[in-house]
Amino acid sequence: MIGEVNQDNLYLILPSKVSALANMLVEYKGVTIIDAIRQIYASKLYIKLQDESSKMWHWGPVALYEELEEEVIE
């Protein structure tokens, strides 16, 4: 059990968030899983997701996907 999420243990949560988001990109955009993962790690969203103070780590995959979509539109 993680207990309280903080900047020191946030890295434990991120792989599951990236995985869910990557699967959505594969399904909705038709990209390969590798390209989806690369897109996520290169995004502004991922920078925010790594920052515990943003609290984006508790967002669900749909909200994260929508945020990533907005980033692409900008």
Protein backbone atom coordinates (compact mmCIF):
# COMPACT_ATOMS: atom_id res chain seq x y z
CA MET A 1 0.00 0.00 0.00
CA ILE A 2 1.36 3.41 -0.97
CA GLY A 3 -0.34 5.49 1.72
CA GLU A 4 -0.14 9.19 1.02
CA VAL A 5 0.94 10.12 -2.49
CA ASN A 6 3.83 12.56 -2.59
CA GLN A 7 6.52 13.57 -5.04
CA ASP A 8 8.80 10.76 -3.79
CA ASN A 9 6.37 7.93 -4.57
CA LEU A 10 4.35 9.38 -7.45
CA TYR A 11 6.47 7.36 -9.90
CA LEU A 12 4.65 4.23 -8.69
CA ILE A 13 1.34 5.47 -10.09
CA LEU A 14 2.51 6.89 -13.43
CA PRO A 15 3.00 3.62 -15.38
CA SER A 16 -0.65 2.65 -15.00
CA LYS A 17 -1.76 6.13 -16.08
CA VAL A 18 0.52 6.05 -19.13
CA SER A 19 -0.63 2.53 -20.01
CA ALA A 20 -4.33 3.43 -19.93
CA LEU A 21 -3.73 6.60 -21.92
CA ALA A 22 -1.57 4.80 -24.48
CA ASN A 23 -4.25 2.16 -25.00
CA MET A 24 -6.79 4.90 -25.66
CA LEU A 25 -4.50 6.52 -28.23
CA VAL A 26 -4.08 3.17 -29.97
CA GLU A 27 -7.83 2.60 -30.04
CA TYR A 28 -8.96 6.10 -31.00
CA LYS A 29 -6.06 7.35 -33.12
CA GLY A 30 -4.85 4.11 -34.65
CA VAL A 31 -1.22 4.69 -33.70
CA THR A 32 1.13 1.95 -32.57
CA ILE A 33 1.58 1.40 -28.86
CA ILE A 34 5.20 2.58 -29.12
CA ASP A 35 4.16 5.81 -30.86
CA ALA A 36 1.44 6.35 -28.28
CA ILE A 37 3.88 5.98 -25.40
CA ARG A 38 6.38 8.29 -27.08
CA GLN A 39 3.68 10.90 -27.62
CA ILE A 40 2.66 10.76 -23.97
CA TYR A 41 6.20 11.01 -22.58
CA ALA A 42 6.95 13.95 -24.91
CA SER A 43 3.78 15.83 -23.94
CA LYS A 44 3.20 18.81 -21.70
CA LEU A 45 0.58 16.64 -20.03
CA TYR A 46 3.23 14.21 -18.82
CA ILE A 47 5.29 17.04 -17.36
CA LYS A 48 2.23 18.12 -15.38
CA LEU A 49 1.40 14.52 -14.47
CA GLN A 50 4.87 14.07 -12.94
CA ASP A 51 4.29 17.02 -10.63
CA GLU A 52 2.41 15.80 -7.57
CA SER A 53 1.17 19.31 -6.79
CA SER A 54 -0.84 19.34 -10.04
CA LYS A 55 -2.98 16.52 -8.60
CA MET A 56 -3.42 15.22 -12.16
CA TRP A 57 -2.25 11.82 -10.94
CA HIS A 58 -5.75 11.12 -9.64
CA TRP A 59 -7.47 12.03 -12.93
CA GLY A 60 -9.03 9.16 -14.84
CA PRO A 61 -7.92 8.08 -18.31
CA VAL A 62 -10.74 9.92 -20.10
CA ALA A 63 -9.88 13.24 -18.48
CA LEU A 64 -6.18 12.73 -19.22
CA TYR A 65 -6.98 11.83 -22.83
CA GLU A 66 -9.08 14.96 -23.22
CA GLU A 67 -6.25 17.05 -21.80
CA LEU A 68 -3.81 15.47 -24.25
CA GLU A 69 -6.22 16.16 -27.10
CA GLU A 70 -6.43 19.82 -26.11
CA GLU A 71 -2.64 20.00 -26.11
CA VAL A 72 -2.52 18.69 -29.68
CA ILE A 73 -5.11 21.26 -30.79
CA GLU A 74 -3.20 24.21 -29.29
